[in-house]
Amino acid sequence: MSAHHRPLVWIACALLLGGCEAEISHETPPSDAFHFPTNIALDADGRHLYVANSNFDLAYDHAAIVVVDLEAEELLPGAAVGTGSFPGVIVLQSEGEESIHGYVPDRATGALNWFTIDRTNDGHPILGCGGIGNSTMDICSGAHAIREATLDGESVDAGQEPFGCGLRTGRDGAPDLLFTGALQDGALGVWEIDESGSPGLVDRRILAAGLYGIATSPLTGITFIATKLSQTIFAAVTTPVLLPTGAATGETSKGSPSPLVQITGLGISSPLQGLGSFGQSIAISSEGDLLYIASRSPSSVVILRTVPNANGTLSPELIGFVEVGAGTAEMAVVPREDGLGDLIYAVSYSTGDVYVIDTLFMEVVDIFPVGTGPYDIVIGNGESGRRAYISLFEENAIAVVDLDEQSPTRHQVLTRIGQ
């Protein structure tokens, strides 16, 4: 199958999961190669990258989360775990300078998968999820592939086609909270993570179809959720995070809030008129006061100020929007060296470029090509300097880009891992 036809398989299978699942192969996906890589996450150690190897062409019986050693620029065979065919956003829970657990929803099976991260003597991760297991990888199942949970005596699911995921680190001894968003029915799940890393459902709301981007401000502790299908941004405030005085509360669609976590959904209408697709992904500014939102129609990055007002209410203030390439996917944020704003790296799937936005001047200051079908981007600081890592869906590779401002190869692809 040619690279140009692969997205057609993706779209067809995403829309017709039942028919595609019936044709899935019984072969196990590789742990030492990329296969339609989508979402990625960087370990807290800065050395290892977790990559969602999707199963969009249904060549295997499931998908996998594989691990890359960024120093050696190679995959780690035997470190992977298996998930459903359409894994979503990968979120890592960390302790000190290492990640200890990972979470990824899967829209094909409707499950929230979670895995443990152990280490070899060399510090390399080995992923496990208490699953069936075979000669090459552990396959998430049972308590590590949660499809249903009990909330206030009622059995509820993790949502129809869960895909978005975000972590709020607990403050003042409070547990970490995991948020999941479903594309089909708009179910927002709130999961409390216990000491073993296991997520337990503590709240569930139906917000709006197309939930995708989820991010928490380190400044206010407020979690923002975007939908791809409307101009509404939701804000979730939970105790013991301080609830802004006078903030309006939303309705609970299934079950009542638990005593530990009382989540409030604030529907925030965008001040922009005429926008179509909104909220492909969300990023928070380095200061925590601004929200960066990827919009696909028109292709742009929208910037909103989201700090509660003096009276405690929360309403967005439009700072501006900057046009970028078609098919805006994911973003990453780097603070400017002078501290005056951020540089936003926005990936354009359709053009194969990364657009660099300077928020001080509210303009695109650079555009550089990275390959065919770039999807997700993360940024890390290694021994060789600051690097961007970008998943290339149609090239089965990870592009490594130099971000060192003093380097002669800045904003150039240094290598493609996997090729």
Protein backbone atom coordinates (compact mmCIF):
# COMPACT_ATOMS: atom_id res chain seq x y z
CA MET A 1 0.00 0.00 0.00
CA SER A 2 1.37 3.39 -0.95
CA ALA A 3 1.87 6.15 1.59
CA HIS A 4 -0.70 8.30 -0.22
CA HIS A 5 -3.45 5.71 0.34
CA ARG A 6 -2.76 5.03 4.00
CA PRO A 7 -4.79 7.95 5.37
CA LEU A 8 -7.79 6.59 3.44
CA VAL A 9 -7.51 3.35 5.38
CA TRP A 10 -7.28 5.35 8.60
CA ILE A 11 -10.43 7.34 7.82
CA ALA A 12 -12.39 4.32 6.66
CA CYS A 13 -11.50 2.25 9.72
CA ALA A 14 -12.09 5.13 12.12
CA LEU A 15 -15.61 5.54 10.75
CA LEU A 16 -16.36 1.84 10.41
CA LEU A 17 -14.63 0.22 13.35
CA GLY A 18 -16.89 -2.79 13.40
CA GLY A 19 -16.23 -3.76 9.78
CA CYS A 20 -12.50 -3.15 10.04
CA GLU A 21 -12.11 -5.10 13.26
CA ALA A 22 -13.52 -8.19 11.53
CA GLU A 23 -10.64 -8.12 9.07
CA ILE A 24 -7.82 -7.65 11.57
CA SER A 25 -4.86 -9.98 11.15
CA HIS A 26 -3.82 -12.35 13.91
CA GLU A 27 -0.18 -11.31 13.66
CA THR A 28 1.56 -9.58 16.58
CA PRO A 29 2.87 -6.07 15.83
CA PRO A 30 6.62 -5.47 16.03
CA SER A 31 8.26 -3.92 19.09
CA ASP A 32 11.42 -2.97 17.20
CA ALA A 33 9.89 -0.94 14.35
CA PHE A 34 7.40 1.89 13.81
CA HIS A 35 3.98 1.26 12.30
CA PHE A 36 1.90 4.36 11.52
CA PRO A 37 3.20 6.22 14.62
CA THR A 38 0.84 8.84 16.05
CA ASN A 39 0.96 10.14 19.62
CA ILE A 40 4.25 10.29 21.52
CA ALA A 41 5.38 11.09 25.08
CA LEU A 42 8.80 11.81 26.59
CA ASP A 43 9.92 9.97 29.72
CA ALA A 44 10.88 12.19 32.65
CA ASP A 45 14.43 10.87 32.26
CA GLY A 46 14.63 12.73 28.92
CA ARG A 47 16.25 9.70 27.32
CA HIS A 48 13.30 7.55 26.31
CA LEU A 49 10.38 8.22 23.99
CA TYR A 50 7.08 6.33 24.07
CA VAL A 51 5.38 6.01 20.69
CA ALA A 52 1.86 4.85 19.84
CA ASN A 53 2.27 2.39 16.97
CA SER A 54 -1.25 2.39 15.57
CA ASN A 55 -2.91 -0.37 13.56
CA PHE A 56 -4.65 1.79 10.97
CA ASP A 57 -4.08 -0.67 8.12
CA LEU A 58 -5.22 -3.57 10.36
CA ALA A 59 -2.09 -5.56 9.54
CA TYR A 60 -1.93 -6.88 13.13
CA ASP A 61 -4.31 -8.07 15.81
CA HIS A 62 -3.66 -4.99 17.97
CA ALA A 63 -1.55 -1.85 18.25
CA ALA A 64 1.39 -1.21 20.56
CA ILE A 65 3.23 1.36 22.63
CA VAL A 66 6.91 1.04 21.73
CA VAL A 67 9.96 2.59 23.39
CA VAL A 68 12.84 4.50 21.78
CA ASP A 69 16.29 5.03 23.30
CA LEU A 70 16.98 8.58 22.10
CA GLU A 71 20.67 8.44 22.92
CA ALA A 72 21.23 5.34 20.80
CA GLU A 73 18.51 6.44 18.34
CA GLU A 74 16.94 2.99 18.23
CA LEU A 75 13.90 1.12 19.45
CA LEU A 76 14.11 -1.22 22.43
CA PRO A 77 12.87 -4.69 21.45
CA GLY A 78 10.82 -6.37 24.14
CA ALA A 79 9.92 -3.17 25.97
CA ALA A 80 6.52 -2.64 24.32
CA VAL A 81 2.95 -3.30 25.47
CA GLY A 82 -0.08 -4.02 23.30
CA THR A 83 -3.27 -1.92 23.17
CA GLY A 84 -6.36 -1.76 20.97
CA SER A 85 -5.92 -0.78 17.32
CA PHE A 86 -6.51 2.97 17.73
CA PRO A 87 -4.56 4.25 20.78
CA GLY A 88 -4.95 7.92 21.62
CA VAL A 89 -2.94 10.43 23.63
CA ILE A 90 -0.19 8.96 25.84
CA VAL A 91 0.15 10.41 29.34
CA LEU A 92 2.97 9.55 31.76
CA GLN A 93 2.96 9.76 35.55
CA SER A 94 6.42 10.53 36.90
CA GLU A 95 8.27 10.31 40.18
CA GLY A 96 11.46 12.32 40.41
CA GLU A 97 13.46 11.98 37.22
CA GLU A 98 11.72 8.86 35.91
CA SER A 99 8.25 8.04 34.62
CA ILE A 100 6.58 5.19 36.51
CA HIS A 101 3.18 4.67 34.85
CA GLY A 102 1.59 5.36 31.49
CA TYR A 103 -2.02 5.85 30.37
CA VAL A 104 -3.54 5.70 26.90
CA PRO A 105 -7.21 5.46 25.88
CA ASP A 106 -8.16 3.41 22.84
CA ARG A 107 -11.05 4.42 20.60
CA ALA A 108 -11.35 0.96 19.01
CA THR A 109 -12.04 -0.97 22.22
CA GLY A 110 -13.39 1.93 24.29
CA ALA A 111 -10.88 1.14 27.03
CA LEU A 112 -8.51 3.18 29.17
CA ASN A 113 -5.24 1.21 29.10
CA TRP A 114 -2.56 1.76 31.73
CA PHE A 115 0.87 0.23 32.10
CA THR A 116 3.69 0.08 34.60
CA ILE A 117 7.24 1.18 33.78
CA ASP A 118 10.02 -0.92 35.27
CA ARG A 119 13.73 -0.42 34.55
CA THR A 120 16.61 -2.62 33.52
CA ASN A 121 20.01 -2.27 35.17
CA ASP A 122 20.88 0.12 32.33
CA GLY A 123 17.86 2.30 33.13
CA HIS A 124 15.86 1.25 30.06
CA PRO A 125 12.08 1.04 30.52
CA ILE A 126 10.23 -2.26 30.34
CA LEU A 127 6.47 -1.78 30.01
CA GLY A 128 3.92 -4.14 31.52
CA CYS A 129 0.16 -4.12 31.87
CA GLY A 130 -0.84 -7.41 33.48
CA GLY A 131 -2.13 -8.72 30.20
CA ILE A 132 -2.21 -11.92 28.22
CA GLY A 133 1.38 -11.63 27.09
CA ASN A 134 3.25 -13.49 24.40
CA SER A 135 6.82 -13.90 23.28
CA THR A 136 7.21 -10.27 22.26
CA MET A 137 4.96 -8.06 24.39
CA ASP A 138 2.40 -7.85 27.18
CA ILE A 139 -1.11 -7.11 25.90
CA CYS A 140 -3.22 -4.90 28.16
CA SER A 141 -6.32 -6.62 29.47
CA GLY A 142 -8.44 -6.99 32.58
CA ALA A 143 -7.77 -4.32 35.19
CA HIS A 144 -5.25 -2.69 32.83
CA ALA A 145 -7.81 -2.17 30.04
CA ILE A 146 -10.76 -0.47 31.76
CA ARG A 147 -13.95 -0.38 29.72
CA GLU A 148 -16.46 0.01 32.54
CA ALA A 149 -16.38 1.33 36.09
CA THR A 150 -18.84 1.79 38.92
CA LEU A 151 -19.74 5.35 39.87
CA ASP A 152 -22.19 5.93 42.70
CA GLY A 153 -23.56 2.43 42.30
CA GLU A 154 -24.05 2.73 38.56
CA SER A 155 -22.01 0.97 35.91
CA VAL A 156 -20.70 3.42 33.31
CA ASP A 157 -18.29 3.08 30.41
CA ALA A 158 -15.16 5.06 29.61
CA GLY A 159 -17.00 6.82 26.80
CA GLN A 160 -17.56 6.05 23.14
CA GLU A 161 -14.23 6.26 21.32
CA PRO A 162 -12.07 7.70 24.13
CA PHE A 163 -8.99 9.39 22.66
CA GLY A 164 -8.02 12.55 24.57
CA CYS A 165 -6.07 12.24 27.82
CA GLY A 166 -4.44 14.60 30.31
CA LEU A 167 -2.88 14.43 33.78
CA ARG A 168 -3.30 16.89 36.64
CA THR A 169 -0.56 16.43 39.22
CA GLY A 170 -1.96 16.50 42.75
CA ARG A 171 -1.18 19.44 45.02
CA ASP A 172 -0.63 19.46 48.78
CA GLY A 173 -0.77 15.68 49.09
CA ALA A 174 -3.80 15.23 46.84
CA PRO A 175 -3.71 12.31 44.39
CA ASP A 176 -2.99 12.77 40.70
CA LEU A 177 -6.06 13.01 38.48
CA LEU A 178 -6.36 11.64 34.97
CA PHE A 179 -8.85 13.14 32.51
CA THR A 180 -10.11 11.25 29.45
CA GLY A 181 -12.24 12.63 26.62
CA ALA A 182 -14.37 10.64 24.18
CA LEU A 183 -14.80 11.65 20.55
CA GLN A 184 -18.19 10.09 19.87
CA ASP A 185 -20.37 10.88 22.89
CA GLY A 186 -18.30 13.63 24.55
CA ALA A 187 -17.87 11.77 27.84
CA LEU A 188 -15.29 13.33 30.15
CA GLY A 189 -13.93 10.83 32.65
CA VAL A 190 -12.10 11.88 35.82
CA TRP A 191 -9.90 9.16 37.29
CA GLU A 192 -8.08 9.22 40.62
CA ILE A 193 -4.73 7.42 40.48
CA ASP A 194 -3.87 5.35 43.54
CA GLU A 195 -0.41 4.48 44.86
CA SER A 196 -0.14 1.45 42.56
CA GLY A 197 -0.89 3.59 39.52
CA SER A 198 -4.36 2.14 39.03
CA PRO A 199 -6.99 4.69 37.88
CA GLY A 200 -10.40 4.70 39.58
CA LEU A 201 -13.32 6.62 38.09
CA VAL A 202 -14.52 9.40 40.44
CA ASP A 203 -16.58 11.55 38.11
CA ARG A 204 -18.05 11.46 34.60
CA ARG A 205 -19.73 14.19 32.53
CA ILE A 206 -21.20 14.38 29.05
CA LEU A 207 -19.82 17.63 27.65
CA ALA A 208 -19.80 17.70 23.83
CA ALA A 209 -18.87 15.32 21.04
CA GLY A 210 -15.31 15.57 19.73
CA LEU A 211 -13.45 15.93 23.04
CA TYR A 212 -9.74 15.87 22.27
CA GLY A 213 -7.30 18.41 23.72
CA ILE A 214 -6.82 18.33 27.51
CA ALA A 215 -4.30 20.41 29.45
CA THR A 216 -3.91 21.76 33.00
CA SER A 217 -2.54 25.17 33.90
CA PRO A 218 0.27 24.93 36.49
CA LEU A 219 -0.64 28.46 37.56
CA THR A 220 -4.31 27.95 38.44
CA GLY A 221 -4.68 24.16 38.51
CA ILE A 222 -7.63 24.46 36.13
CA THR A 223 -7.94 21.75 33.47
CA PHE A 224 -9.11 22.84 30.04
CA ILE A 225 -10.83 20.54 27.55
CA ALA A 226 -11.45 21.34 23.89
CA THR A 227 -13.77 19.80 21.35
CA LYS A 228 -12.97 19.43 17.67
CA LEU A 229 -16.60 20.02 16.69
CA SER A 230 -17.53 23.35 18.26
CA GLN A 231 -16.16 26.62 19.59
CA THR A 232 -16.60 25.67 23.24
CA ILE A 233 -13.74 25.26 25.68
CA PHE A 234 -14.56 23.56 28.98
CA ALA A 235 -12.80 24.29 32.26
CA ALA A 236 -12.70 21.67 35.01
CA VAL A 237 -12.05 22.78 38.59
CA THR A 238 -11.78 20.18 41.32
CA THR A 239 -11.16 20.25 45.02
CA PRO A 240 -8.68 20.62 46.64
CA VAL A 241 -7.91 23.01 43.78
CA LEU A 242 -9.48 26.33 44.79
CA LEU A 243 -12.77 26.92 43.02
CA PRO A 244 -13.00 30.53 41.80
CA THR A 245 -15.66 32.41 43.77
CA GLY A 246 -18.85 32.77 41.79
CA ALA A 247 -17.92 30.21 39.13
CA ALA A 248 -20.95 28.62 37.55
CA THR A 249 -21.33 24.87 37.88
CA GLY A 250 -22.33 22.43 35.20
CA GLU A 251 -24.75 19.51 35.27
CA THR A 252 -23.69 15.97 36.07
CA SER A 253 -25.07 13.64 33.41
CA LYS A 254 -24.26 10.33 35.12
CA GLY A 255 -23.71 9.99 38.80
CA SER A 256 -23.05 12.76 41.29
CA PRO A 257 -19.62 14.17 42.16
CA SER A 258 -17.72 12.18 44.73
CA PRO A 259 -16.83 13.76 48.07
CA LEU A 260 -13.16 13.78 47.12
CA VAL A 261 -13.42 15.31 43.67
CA GLN A 262 -16.03 17.87 42.76
CA ILE A 263 -15.60 18.80 39.14
CA THR A 264 -17.18 21.86 37.62
CA GLY A 265 -17.62 22.21 33.89
CA LEU A 266 -17.52 25.78 32.61
CA GLY A 267 -18.65 26.21 29.02
CA ILE A 268 -16.46 28.93 27.54
CA SER A 269 -17.62 30.24 24.18
CA SER A 270 -14.82 31.46 21.98
CA PRO A 271 -14.95 35.19 21.17
CA LEU A 272 -13.94 34.28 17.62
CA GLN A 273 -16.84 33.99 15.21
CA GLY A 274 -16.92 31.86 12.09
CA LEU A 275 -14.43 29.23 13.22
CA GLY A 276 -15.22 25.68 12.22
CA SER A 277 -13.13 22.86 13.65
CA PHE A 278 -11.73 23.89 17.01
CA GLY A 279 -9.59 22.28 19.68
CA GLN A 280 -7.50 19.70 17.85
CA SER A 281 -5.02 20.07 20.70
CA ILE A 282 -4.31 22.38 23.62
CA ALA A 283 -1.06 23.68 25.08
CA ILE A 284 -0.46 25.91 28.11
CA SER A 285 1.92 28.88 28.07
CA SER A 286 5.13 28.65 30.08
CA GLU A 287 3.68 31.15 32.58
CA GLY A 288 0.43 29.18 32.82
CA ASP A 289 -1.86 32.12 32.03
CA LEU A 290 -2.47 31.57 28.31
CA LEU A 291 -4.18 28.80 26.40
CA TYR A 292 -2.91 27.84 22.93
CA ILE A 293 -5.53 26.04 20.85
CA ALA A 294 -5.00 24.41 17.46
CA SER A 295 -7.83 25.16 15.04
CA ARG A 296 -8.19 23.36 11.72
CA SER A 297 -10.78 25.65 10.15
CA PRO A 298 -9.29 28.10 9.53
CA SER A 299 -5.83 26.60 10.10
CA SER A 300 -4.51 28.66 12.98
CA VAL A 301 -3.35 28.72 16.58
CA VAL A 302 -5.77 30.66 18.80
CA ILE A 303 -4.39 32.32 21.94
CA LEU A 304 -6.67 33.02 24.92
CA ARG A 305 -6.01 34.42 28.37
CA THR A 306 -7.75 32.18 30.89
CA VAL A 307 -6.92 33.45 34.39
CA PRO A 308 -10.03 33.95 36.59
CA ASN A 309 -11.28 37.53 36.83
CA ALA A 310 -11.21 39.59 40.02
CA ASN A 311 -14.76 38.45 40.86
CA GLY A 312 -13.75 34.82 40.43
CA THR A 313 -15.52 34.16 37.14
CA LEU A 314 -13.67 32.57 34.27
CA SER A 315 -14.09 33.92 30.74
CA PRO A 316 -11.64 33.89 27.85
CA GLU A 317 -9.89 36.99 26.62
CA LEU A 318 -8.84 36.75 22.99
CA ILE A 319 -5.19 37.67 22.61
CA GLY A 320 -5.07 36.79 18.93
CA PHE A 321 -4.67 34.03 16.41
CA VAL A 322 -1.91 33.16 13.97
CA GLU A 323 -2.45 31.36 10.67
CA VAL A 324 -0.49 28.14 10.13
CA GLY A 325 -0.42 25.31 7.59
CA ALA A 326 -3.37 23.05 6.81
CA GLY A 327 -4.07 20.04 8.97
CA THR A 328 -2.81 21.50 12.23
CA ALA A 329 -2.21 18.60 14.59
CA GLU A 330 -0.19 18.86 17.80
CA MET A 331 1.88 21.63 19.40
CA ALA A 332 4.81 22.04 21.77
CA VAL A 333 5.87 25.13 23.71
CA VAL A 334 9.37 26.49 24.42
CA PRO A 335 9.86 29.66 26.54
CA ARG A 336 11.76 32.45 24.83
CA GLU A 337 15.27 32.86 26.21
CA ASP A 338 14.48 36.43 27.33
CA GLY A 339 11.32 35.25 29.11
CA LEU A 340 9.07 37.46 26.98
CA GLY A 341 6.55 34.94 25.76
CA ASP A 342 6.90 31.56 24.11
CA LEU A 343 7.79 29.87 20.88
CA ILE A 344 4.99 27.55 19.74
CA TYR A 345 5.94 24.67 17.45
CA ALA A 346 2.78 23.70 15.56
CA VAL A 347 2.78 20.61 13.34
CA SER A 348 1.01 20.76 9.97
CA TYR A 349 0.09 17.26 8.84
CA SER A 350 -1.01 18.31 5.35
CA THR A 351 2.08 20.33 4.42
CA GLY A 352 4.70 18.26 6.26
CA ASP A 353 6.02 21.39 7.99
CA VAL A 354 6.41 22.76 11.49
CA TYR A 355 5.34 26.38 12.00
CA VAL A 356 7.17 28.38 14.67
CA ILE A 357 5.08 31.10 16.32
CA ASP A 358 6.61 33.83 18.47
CA THR A 359 3.89 34.87 20.93
CA LEU A 360 5.64 38.17 21.69
CA PHE A 361 5.15 39.35 18.12
CA MET A 362 2.12 37.14 17.37
CA GLU A 363 3.52 35.92 14.09
CA VAL A 364 5.12 32.95 12.37
CA VAL A 365 8.89 33.43 12.54
CA ASP A 366 9.97 30.24 10.80
CA ILE A 367 8.65 27.27 8.82
CA PHE A 368 10.70 24.14 8.30
CA PRO A 369 9.93 20.77 6.66
CA VAL A 370 10.17 17.53 8.63
CA GLY A 371 8.67 14.80 6.44
CA THR A 372 5.42 13.24 5.25
CA GLY A 373 2.49 13.12 7.64
CA PRO A 374 3.90 14.69 10.82
CA TYR A 375 1.47 14.14 13.68
CA ASP A 376 2.75 14.70 17.22
CA ILE A 377 5.67 16.65 18.68
CA VAL A 378 7.50 16.71 22.02
CA ILE A 379 10.57 18.67 23.06
CA GLY A 380 13.40 17.55 25.32
CA ASN A 381 16.79 18.67 26.54
CA GLY A 382 19.42 15.98 26.17
CA GLU A 383 23.19 15.84 26.34
CA SER A 384 23.37 17.12 22.76
CA GLY A 385 21.07 20.09 23.41
CA ARG A 386 17.40 20.87 22.90
CA ARG A 387 15.65 18.61 20.39
CA ALA A 388 12.16 18.23 18.95
CA TYR A 389 10.88 14.72 18.28
CA ILE A 390 8.10 14.42 15.70
CA SER A 391 6.16 11.30 14.71
CA LEU A 392 5.91 10.83 10.94
CA PHE A 393 2.75 8.83 10.34
CA GLU A 394 3.37 8.15 6.65
CA GLU A 395 7.11 7.50 6.91
CA ASN A 396 7.09 5.14 9.92
CA ALA A 397 9.78 7.24 11.57
CA ILE A 398 10.55 9.80 14.27
CA ALA A 399 12.17 13.01 13.01
CA VAL A 400 14.80 14.54 15.32
CA VAL A 401 15.07 18.34 14.92
CA ASP A 402 17.75 20.64 16.32
CA LEU A 403 16.25 23.50 18.40
CA ASP A 404 19.48 24.96 19.78
CA GLU A 405 19.31 28.70 19.05
CA GLN A 406 23.09 28.93 18.68
CA SER A 407 23.41 25.94 16.37
CA PRO A 408 24.06 26.28 12.60
CA THR A 409 21.61 23.40 12.08
CA ARG A 410 18.77 24.95 14.08
CA HIS A 411 15.35 23.92 12.77
CA GLN A 412 16.84 21.19 10.62
CA VAL A 413 16.12 17.46 10.76
CA LEU A 414 19.24 15.80 12.13
CA THR A 415 18.07 12.23 11.67
CA ARG A 416 15.01 10.05 11.23
CA ILE A 417 14.88 7.21 13.75
CA GLY A 418 13.46 4.07 12.21
CA GLN A 419 14.76 4.60 8.69
